[in-house]
Amino acid sequence: MAEYDARTMNVGAEYSFGKDYINAVIEFNRCRYFSGGLVFKIHLK
């Protein structure tokens, strides 16, 4: 994913694994500052 406005550009990616239960997310704000994390999904029936 990418986002651009008049002053900044942000670039990021998301990867799903474990049958879509675990997602890894990374992002570079202003193409310099790293931000990231893991998302654990709980599917309710």
C-alpha atoms as a PDB file:
ATOM      1  CA  MET A   1       0.000   0.000   0.000  1.00  0.00           C
ATOM      2  CA  ALA A   2       1.144   3.552  -0.596  1.00  0.00           C
ATOM      3  CA  GLU A   3      -0.181   6.950   0.384  1.00  0.00           C
ATOM      4  CA  TYR A   4       0.884  10.353  -0.873  1.00  0.00           C
ATOM      5  CA  ASP A   5      -0.161  13.891  -0.046  1.00  0.00           C
ATOM      6  CA  ALA A   6       1.474  17.257  -0.734  1.00  0.00           C
ATOM      7  CA  ARG A   7       4.157  16.813   1.960  1.00  0.00           C
ATOM      8  CA  THR A   8       4.688  13.147   2.770  1.00  0.00           C
ATOM      9  CA  MET A   9       4.712   9.671   1.290  1.00  0.00           C
ATOM     10  CA  ASN A  10       3.924   6.553   3.340  1.00  0.00           C
ATOM     11  CA  VAL A  11       4.639   2.983   2.207  1.00  0.00           C
ATOM     12  CA  GLY A  12       3.464  -0.203   3.878  1.00  0.00           C
ATOM     13  CA  ALA A  13       2.707  -3.901   3.483  1.00  0.00           C
ATOM     14  CA  GLU A  14       0.624  -6.590   5.140  1.00  0.00           C
ATOM     15  CA  TYR A  15       1.201 -10.334   5.059  1.00  0.00           C
ATOM     16  CA  SER A  16      -1.306 -12.980   6.206  1.00  0.00           C
ATOM     17  CA  PHE A  17      -0.288 -16.452   7.321  1.00  0.00           C
ATOM     18  CA  GLY A  18      -1.606 -19.209   9.535  1.00  0.00           C
ATOM     19  CA  LYS A  19      -4.936 -19.495   7.661  1.00  0.00           C
ATOM     20  CA  ASP A  20      -5.548 -15.747   8.093  1.00  0.00           C
ATOM     21  CA  TYR A  21      -5.231 -15.928  11.897  1.00  0.00           C
ATOM     22  CA  ILE A  22      -1.967 -13.994  12.048  1.00  0.00           C
ATOM     23  CA  ASN A  23      -1.155 -10.848  10.075  1.00  0.00           C
ATOM     24  CA  ALA A  24       2.146  -8.976  10.015  1.00  0.00           C
ATOM     25  CA  VAL A  25       1.945  -5.269   9.202  1.00  0.00           C
ATOM     26  CA  ILE A  26       4.852  -2.910   8.404  1.00  0.00           C
ATOM     27  CA  GLU A  27       4.812   0.734   7.412  1.00  0.00           C
ATOM     28  CA  PHE A  28       7.372   3.420   6.711  1.00  0.00           C
ATOM     29  CA  ASN A  29       6.088   6.887   7.601  1.00  0.00           C
ATOM     30  CA  ARG A  30       7.666   9.568   5.412  1.00  0.00           C
ATOM     31  CA  CYS A  31       9.692   6.660   3.950  1.00  0.00           C
ATOM     32  CA  ARG A  32      11.975   6.882   7.024  1.00  0.00           C
ATOM     33  CA  TYR A  33      10.271   5.924  10.268  1.00  0.00           C
ATOM     34  CA  PHE A  34       9.417   2.254  10.782  1.00  0.00           C
ATOM     35  CA  SER A  35       6.145   1.167  12.324  1.00  0.00           C
ATOM     36  CA  GLY A  36       4.982  -2.440  12.531  1.00  0.00           C
ATOM     37  CA  GLY A  37       3.173  -5.103  14.449  1.00  0.00           C
ATOM     38  CA  LEU A  38       1.405  -8.436  14.564  1.00  0.00           C
ATOM     39  CA  VAL A  39      -2.358  -8.903  14.534  1.00  0.00           C
ATOM     40  CA  PHE A  40      -3.942 -12.075  15.956  1.00  0.00           C
ATOM     41  CA  LYS A  41      -7.514 -12.722  14.829  1.00  0.00           C
ATOM     42  CA  ILE A  42     -10.050 -14.707  16.839  1.00  0.00           C
ATOM     43  CA  HIS A  43     -12.899 -16.050  14.718  1.00  0.00           C
ATOM     44  CA  LEU A  44     -16.139 -16.327  16.676  1.00  0.00           C
ATOM     45  CA  LYS A  45     -18.862 -18.706  15.560  1.00  0.00           C
END
